[in-house]
């Protein structure tokens, strides 16, 4: 089953659709965001994705009052509070519109993850997004999934944090809203996860259970794991993207830089090409086959009239003579001519 995003077919074991996840790596600076877009385009990505959250749509007052979220602890800092950093790194509707226009200008697909109904409406009706990406945190937000699904766009569903039962309910919620354009992303919502926690084989399980194209939303360090997902037939690969891993901000250290993203794009295409077909195909030409294979040759001089024994025969390159499988047929036959040592034996010789 394939899903269309714009004019691109998204399907398992097809050419992976590569999303440069900008998230908050623009740090609230739209000039930096434009540079990220330019570099993602230069690296060969299909799409750049923002996150549409605001200070009011991502955290409740309780989190801001506690002034920390997991490792993002601002309780002993004097430069920022959590609320201030969230506000600084958020992106406004006007800024999103500017980024969409810039993406159109440089010919790269624009996308964003919404965190509220208003953000969904703006994404669909104003920004004219080609698909809606659902963050892992909202997989069990079934009323929100229903609202998103009813927009009729392809839904890209990240599955971090979620049990199989929760994923099943999420998929059924989208389907019950009349939307069967679903792409499921295997995801582990750790930044970064340990290799042993990635479990790329879950991609097969998701594919077998739900019948939709399956991709990978990556939070690992480096390029090995996303490329391994390409070998698992990922239809889509999403990877955080930065210009500088040492830049101030939340996700830069787990992001791919330009050279890494360029390799993810080029090598995932190469991997997809190399996966090829499950049908057995002999691609070597006849000359190469004969050059590598063996033929029956004389292991010693064989005089005319001699009954050929096993010790009279050997198997050597090239393979342009009698194939090794006919060796038992030759044994016991009488030689019709003098055959010299190492000479290829022909059928007419006995």
Protein backbone atom coordinates (compact mmCIF):
# COMPACT_ATOMS: atom_id res chain seq x y z
CA UNK A 1 0.00 0.00 0.00
CA UNK A 2 1.39 3.39 -0.98
CA UNK A 3 0.55 6.94 0.12
CA UNK A 4 1.05 10.02 -2.02
CA UNK A 5 2.63 13.21 -0.66
CA UNK A 6 2.43 15.77 -3.42
CA UNK A 7 3.58 13.88 -6.49
CA UNK A 8 5.79 11.45 -4.55
CA UNK A 9 4.69 7.89 -3.83
CA UNK A 10 5.54 6.84 -0.28
CA UNK A 11 5.79 3.07 -0.04
CA UNK A 12 7.69 0.38 1.82
CA UNK A 13 10.98 -0.55 0.17
CA UNK A 14 10.66 2.46 -2.13
CA UNK A 15 13.06 5.39 -2.25
CA UNK A 16 12.85 6.81 1.30
CA UNK A 17 11.21 10.21 1.76
CA UNK A 18 13.70 12.19 3.85
CA UNK A 19 12.47 14.78 6.34
CA UNK A 20 14.89 17.22 7.93
CA UNK A 21 13.28 17.80 11.33
CA UNK A 22 14.08 21.39 12.22
CA UNK A 23 11.92 21.30 15.36
CA UNK A 24 13.23 24.11 17.51
CA UNK A 25 16.74 24.05 16.04
CA UNK A 26 16.07 27.47 14.54
CA UNK A 27 16.22 28.72 18.16
CA UNK A 28 13.48 31.23 17.34
CA UNK A 29 15.66 32.93 14.69
CA UNK A 30 14.04 32.92 11.25
CA UNK A 31 17.29 33.80 9.49
CA UNK A 32 18.81 30.69 11.02
CA UNK A 33 15.68 28.79 9.94
CA UNK A 34 16.23 29.92 6.33
CA UNK A 35 19.84 28.71 6.47
CA UNK A 36 18.61 25.35 7.76
CA UNK A 37 16.13 25.16 4.89
CA UNK A 38 18.85 25.99 2.35
CA UNK A 39 21.18 23.36 3.76
CA UNK A 40 18.46 20.70 3.93
CA UNK A 41 17.69 21.39 0.28
CA UNK A 42 21.39 21.19 -0.62
CA UNK A 43 21.68 17.88 1.25
CA UNK A 44 18.90 16.43 -0.92
CA UNK A 45 16.08 16.24 1.65
CA UNK A 46 12.51 16.05 0.39
CA UNK A 47 11.03 18.08 3.20
CA UNK A 48 11.78 20.32 6.17
CA UNK A 49 9.51 20.08 9.18
CA UNK A 50 8.84 22.61 11.89
CA UNK A 51 6.87 22.25 15.12
CA UNK A 52 3.92 24.62 15.52
CA UNK A 53 3.71 24.68 19.29
CA UNK A 54 3.48 27.85 21.31
CA UNK A 55 4.01 28.54 24.99
CA UNK A 56 0.32 27.97 25.57
CA UNK A 57 -0.13 24.73 23.58
CA UNK A 58 2.75 22.53 24.76
CA UNK A 59 2.90 22.83 28.59
CA UNK A 60 0.44 23.56 31.36
CA UNK A 61 1.06 26.13 34.08
CA UNK A 62 2.15 23.30 36.40
CA UNK A 63 5.25 22.54 34.27
CA UNK A 64 6.24 26.22 34.06
CA UNK A 65 5.82 26.66 37.80
CA UNK A 66 8.03 23.64 38.45
CA UNK A 67 10.52 25.18 35.99
CA UNK A 68 11.84 21.90 34.61
CA UNK A 69 10.94 19.22 32.08
CA UNK A 70 12.98 16.02 32.38
CA UNK A 71 16.60 17.07 31.73
CA UNK A 72 15.60 20.63 30.82
CA UNK A 73 16.03 21.91 34.35
CA UNK A 74 15.98 25.69 34.85
CA UNK A 75 15.50 25.72 38.61
CA UNK A 76 19.06 26.80 39.37
CA UNK A 77 19.58 29.02 36.33
CA UNK A 78 19.54 32.80 36.21
CA UNK A 79 19.60 33.32 32.43
CA UNK A 80 16.28 31.66 31.49
CA UNK A 81 13.22 30.10 32.98
CA UNK A 82 11.62 27.16 31.17
CA UNK A 83 8.71 29.39 30.19
CA UNK A 84 11.04 32.01 28.73
CA UNK A 85 13.04 29.49 26.67
CA UNK A 86 9.86 27.87 25.32
CA UNK A 87 8.55 31.28 24.30
CA UNK A 88 11.86 32.20 22.66
CA UNK A 89 12.08 28.93 20.69
CA UNK A 90 8.43 28.90 19.59
CA UNK A 91 7.43 29.98 16.10
CA UNK A 92 4.49 32.26 15.38
CA UNK A 93 1.86 31.84 12.68
CA UNK A 94 3.36 34.75 10.74
CA UNK A 95 6.81 33.18 10.96
CA UNK A 96 5.46 29.81 9.83
CA UNK A 97 3.86 31.52 6.84
CA UNK A 98 7.19 33.14 6.00
CA UNK A 99 8.95 29.77 6.25
CA UNK A 100 6.33 28.14 4.01
CA UNK A 101 6.84 30.86 1.40
CA UNK A 102 10.60 30.44 1.65
CA UNK A 103 10.31 26.65 1.21
CA UNK A 104 8.17 27.22 -1.89
CA UNK A 105 10.80 29.61 -3.21
CA UNK A 106 13.66 27.11 -2.87
CA UNK A 107 11.48 24.13 -3.91
CA UNK A 108 11.46 21.96 -0.82
CA UNK A 109 8.33 20.60 0.87
CA UNK A 110 7.20 22.38 4.03
CA UNK A 111 5.62 20.53 6.96
CA UNK A 112 4.96 21.12 10.62
CA UNK A 113 3.66 19.24 13.64
CA UNK A 114 0.63 20.91 15.20
CA UNK A 115 -0.13 20.74 18.92
CA UNK A 116 -3.63 22.26 18.97
CA UNK A 117 -6.73 22.40 16.79
CA UNK A 118 -5.96 26.00 15.87
CA UNK A 119 -2.50 24.95 14.73
CA UNK A 120 -4.02 22.12 12.67
CA UNK A 121 -6.42 24.56 11.00
CA UNK A 122 -3.64 27.02 10.22
CA UNK A 123 -1.42 24.26 8.87
CA UNK A 124 -4.12 22.85 6.60
CA UNK A 125 -6.13 25.88 5.48
CA UNK A 126 -3.52 28.65 5.39
CA UNK A 127 -0.18 26.89 4.91
CA UNK A 128 -1.68 24.21 2.62
CA UNK A 129 0.52 21.44 4.07
CA UNK A 130 0.63 18.18 2.10
CA UNK A 131 0.49 16.00 5.25
CA UNK A 132 0.12 16.25 9.02
CA UNK A 133 2.78 14.79 11.29
CA UNK A 134 1.52 13.67 14.69
CA UNK A 135 4.07 13.78 17.49
CA UNK A 136 4.55 10.68 19.63
CA UNK A 137 3.19 12.58 22.63
CA UNK A 138 -0.20 12.83 20.90
CA UNK A 139 -0.59 9.22 19.77
CA UNK A 140 -3.00 8.55 22.67
CA UNK A 141 -4.76 11.90 22.22
CA UNK A 142 -7.59 10.23 20.32
CA UNK A 143 -9.96 13.24 20.09
CA UNK A 144 -7.08 15.23 18.57
CA UNK A 145 -6.29 12.37 16.15
CA UNK A 146 -9.92 12.31 15.08
CA UNK A 147 -9.83 16.06 14.41
CA UNK A 148 -6.61 15.73 12.39
CA UNK A 149 -7.83 12.70 10.42
CA UNK A 150 -10.99 14.50 9.31
CA UNK A 151 -8.88 17.07 7.44
CA UNK A 152 -8.38 14.36 4.81
CA UNK A 153 -4.62 14.75 4.49
CA UNK A 154 -2.12 11.91 4.92
CA UNK A 155 -1.38 11.41 8.61
CA UNK A 156 2.21 10.58 9.61
CA UNK A 157 1.97 8.93 13.01
CA UNK A 158 5.01 8.70 15.29
CA UNK A 159 4.81 5.81 17.76
CA UNK A 160 7.29 6.68 20.51
CA UNK A 161 6.08 6.20 24.11
CA UNK A 162 3.27 3.90 22.93
CA UNK A 163 2.19 0.30 23.40
CA UNK A 164 0.93 -1.82 20.52
CA UNK A 165 -2.62 -1.52 21.91
CA UNK A 166 -2.34 2.28 21.93
CA UNK A 167 -0.99 2.30 18.37
CA UNK A 168 -3.86 0.06 17.30
CA UNK A 169 -6.43 2.41 18.84
CA UNK A 170 -4.73 5.41 17.22
CA UNK A 171 -4.83 3.80 13.78
CA UNK A 172 -8.46 2.77 14.23
CA UNK A 173 -9.35 6.30 15.35
CA UNK A 174 -7.90 7.72 12.14
CA UNK A 175 -9.60 5.07 10.01
CA UNK A 176 -12.96 5.58 11.74
CA UNK A 177 -12.72 9.24 10.81
CA UNK A 178 -12.66 8.15 7.17
CA UNK A 179 -8.94 8.53 6.61
CA UNK A 180 -6.90 5.59 5.30
CA UNK A 181 -3.86 7.62 4.30
CA UNK A 182 -1.59 6.69 7.18
CA UNK A 183 2.18 6.42 7.45
CA UNK A 184 3.44 4.88 10.68
CA UNK A 185 6.85 5.88 12.01
CA UNK A 186 8.68 3.57 14.38
CA UNK A 187 10.15 5.86 17.02
CA UNK A 188 11.87 5.76 20.39
CA UNK A 189 11.36 9.01 22.30
CA UNK A 190 14.76 9.10 23.96
CA UNK A 191 17.39 11.69 23.02
CA UNK A 192 19.41 9.64 22.21
CA UNK A 193 18.26 6.04 22.80
CA UNK A 194 20.69 3.21 23.43
CA UNK A 195 21.25 1.06 20.36
CA UNK A 196 19.70 -1.95 22.08
CA UNK A 197 16.52 0.08 22.69
CA UNK A 198 15.98 1.09 19.06
CA UNK A 199 14.46 -2.24 17.97
CA UNK A 200 14.29 -1.58 14.24
CA UNK A 201 12.64 -4.98 13.82
CA UNK A 202 9.51 -3.27 15.16
CA UNK A 203 9.19 -1.88 11.63
CA UNK A 204 8.32 -5.36 10.37
CA UNK A 205 5.82 -5.82 13.20
CA UNK A 206 4.08 -2.51 12.46
CA UNK A 207 3.98 -3.30 8.75
CA UNK A 208 2.52 -6.75 9.35
CA UNK A 209 -0.04 -5.59 11.91
CA UNK A 210 -1.42 -2.53 10.17
CA UNK A 211 -0.68 -2.81 6.46
CA UNK A 212 0.40 0.81 6.13
CA UNK A 213 3.80 2.11 4.96
CA UNK A 214 6.28 2.22 7.83
CA UNK A 215 9.16 4.63 8.30
CA UNK A 216 11.52 5.67 11.06
CA UNK A 217 11.72 8.79 13.19
CA UNK A 218 15.30 8.80 14.43
CA UNK A 219 16.82 10.22 17.60
CA UNK A 220 20.09 8.27 17.58
CA UNK A 221 23.55 9.77 17.23
CA UNK A 222 25.11 9.53 13.77
CA UNK A 223 23.90 7.97 10.54
CA UNK A 224 24.20 4.20 11.05
CA UNK A 225 20.73 3.58 12.49
CA UNK A 226 18.74 5.66 9.98
CA UNK A 227 20.63 3.92 7.18
CA UNK A 228 19.83 0.57 8.76
CA UNK A 229 16.17 1.60 8.67
CA UNK A 230 16.54 2.17 4.93
CA UNK A 231 17.76 -1.42 4.64
CA UNK A 232 14.61 -2.45 6.56
CA UNK A 233 12.53 -0.80 3.83
CA UNK A 234 11.69 2.48 5.59
CA UNK A 235 9.34 4.51 3.41
CA UNK A 236 10.23 7.69 5.30
CA UNK A 237 13.19 8.74 7.44
CA UNK A 238 12.89 11.71 9.76
CA UNK A 239 16.07 13.07 11.36
CA UNK A 240 16.68 16.20 13.41
CA UNK A 241 18.87 18.65 11.51
CA UNK A 242 21.29 21.35 12.66
CA UNK A 243 24.02 23.56 11.30
CA UNK A 244 26.12 23.14 14.44
CA UNK A 245 25.83 20.38 17.03
CA UNK A 246 27.40 22.64 19.64
CA UNK A 247 24.84 25.39 19.20
CA UNK A 248 22.77 26.46 22.20
CA UNK A 249 19.39 24.75 22.19
CA UNK A 250 17.52 21.51 22.88
CA UNK A 251 18.11 19.06 20.05
CA UNK A 252 21.32 20.11 18.30
CA UNK A 253 23.47 17.36 19.84
CA UNK A 254 21.24 14.52 18.59
CA UNK A 255 20.81 16.12 15.17
CA UNK A 256 22.51 15.40 11.87
CA UNK A 257 24.72 18.15 10.48
CA UNK A 258 24.95 18.91 6.77
CA UNK A 259 27.53 16.23 5.92
CA UNK A 260 25.65 13.57 7.87
CA UNK A 261 22.31 14.49 6.33
CA UNK A 262 23.86 14.46 2.87
CA UNK A 263 25.09 10.91 3.54
CA UNK A 264 21.73 9.80 4.90
CA UNK A 265 20.08 11.00 1.70
CA UNK A 266 22.62 9.62 -0.78
CA UNK A 267 23.30 6.32 1.00
CA UNK A 268 19.62 5.57 1.69
CA UNK A 269 19.00 5.93 -2.03
CA UNK A 270 21.95 3.65 -2.73
CA UNK A 271 20.69 1.10 -0.20
CA UNK A 272 17.22 1.18 -1.72
CA UNK A 273 18.68 0.61 -5.18
CA UNK A 274 20.81 -2.26 -3.89
CA UNK A 275 17.81 -3.98 -2.23
CA UNK A 276 16.49 -4.59 -5.72
CA UNK A 277 14.15 -7.50 -6.38
CA UNK A 278 13.35 -10.69 -4.46
CA UNK A 279 13.31 -12.54 -7.80
CA UNK A 280 16.58 -14.30 -8.58
CA UNK A 281 18.29 -12.55 -11.48
CA UNK A 282 21.63 -13.47 -13.06
CA UNK A 283 23.14 -10.10 -13.95
CA UNK A 284 26.63 -11.32 -14.90
CA UNK A 285 27.10 -11.75 -18.66
CA UNK A 286 28.16 -15.03 -20.27
CA UNK A 287 31.81 -13.99 -20.61
CA UNK A 288 32.07 -13.25 -16.88
CA UNK A 289 30.32 -16.48 -15.93
CA UNK A 290 32.69 -18.55 -18.08
CA UNK A 291 35.72 -16.64 -16.81
CA UNK A 292 34.91 -17.45 -13.17
CA UNK A 293 33.58 -21.01 -13.44
CA UNK A 294 35.44 -24.29 -13.93
CA UNK A 295 35.54 -26.86 -16.74
CA UNK A 296 36.77 -30.45 -16.89
CA UNK A 297 40.47 -30.60 -17.85
CA UNK A 298 43.07 -33.34 -18.12
CA UNK A 299 44.94 -33.86 -14.83
CA UNK A 300 47.72 -35.61 -16.81
CA UNK A 301 48.40 -36.73 -20.36
CA UNK A 302 45.64 -39.09 -21.54
CA UNK A 303 46.66 -41.29 -24.50
CA UNK A 304 44.19 -42.21 -27.23
CA UNK A 305 42.26 -45.38 -26.36
CA UNK A 306 42.66 -45.06 -22.59
CA UNK A 307 39.62 -45.63 -20.41
CA UNK A 308 39.29 -42.39 -18.48
CA UNK A 309 39.60 -42.65 -14.68
CA UNK A 310 38.71 -40.11 -12.01
CA UNK A 311 42.42 -39.39 -11.46
CA UNK A 312 42.76 -38.37 -15.12
CA UNK A 313 40.48 -35.39 -14.59
CA UNK A 314 40.59 -32.05 -12.81
CA UNK A 315 38.38 -28.94 -12.70
CA UNK A 316 39.84 -25.53 -13.57
CA UNK A 317 38.94 -22.17 -15.07
CA UNK A 318 37.64 -21.12 -17.54
CA UNK A 319 34.10 -22.46 -17.56
CA UNK A 320 33.77 -22.56 -21.34
CA UNK A 321 34.14 -26.36 -21.52
CA UNK A 322 32.30 -29.29 -19.93
CA UNK A 323 30.63 -28.32 -16.65
CA UNK A 324 31.72 -30.06 -13.39
CA UNK A 325 28.33 -31.81 -13.04
CA UNK A 326 29.15 -33.97 -16.09
CA UNK A 327 32.35 -35.35 -14.49
CA UNK A 328 30.76 -38.74 -13.53
CA UNK A 329 29.53 -39.13 -17.12
CA UNK A 330 33.08 -38.88 -18.52
CA UNK A 331 34.62 -41.44 -16.13
CA UNK A 332 34.74 -44.86 -17.81
CA UNK A 333 34.64 -43.48 -21.34
CA UNK A 334 37.44 -44.27 -23.84
CA UNK A 335 39.52 -41.37 -25.13
CA UNK A 336 39.27 -40.90 -28.89
CA UNK A 337 42.49 -38.84 -29.09
CA UNK A 338 45.65 -37.95 -27.25
CA UNK A 339 44.72 -35.32 -24.66
CA UNK A 340 47.54 -33.27 -23.15
CA UNK A 341 47.87 -32.26 -19.51
CA UNK A 342 45.68 -29.23 -18.54
CA UNK A 343 43.82 -29.31 -21.84
CA UNK A 344 40.06 -28.68 -21.73
CA UNK A 345 38.20 -31.89 -22.49
CA UNK A 346 35.43 -31.77 -25.10
CA UNK A 347 32.42 -34.03 -25.53
CA UNK A 348 33.78 -35.28 -28.84
CA UNK A 349 36.93 -36.57 -27.10
CA UNK A 350 35.22 -39.79 -25.94
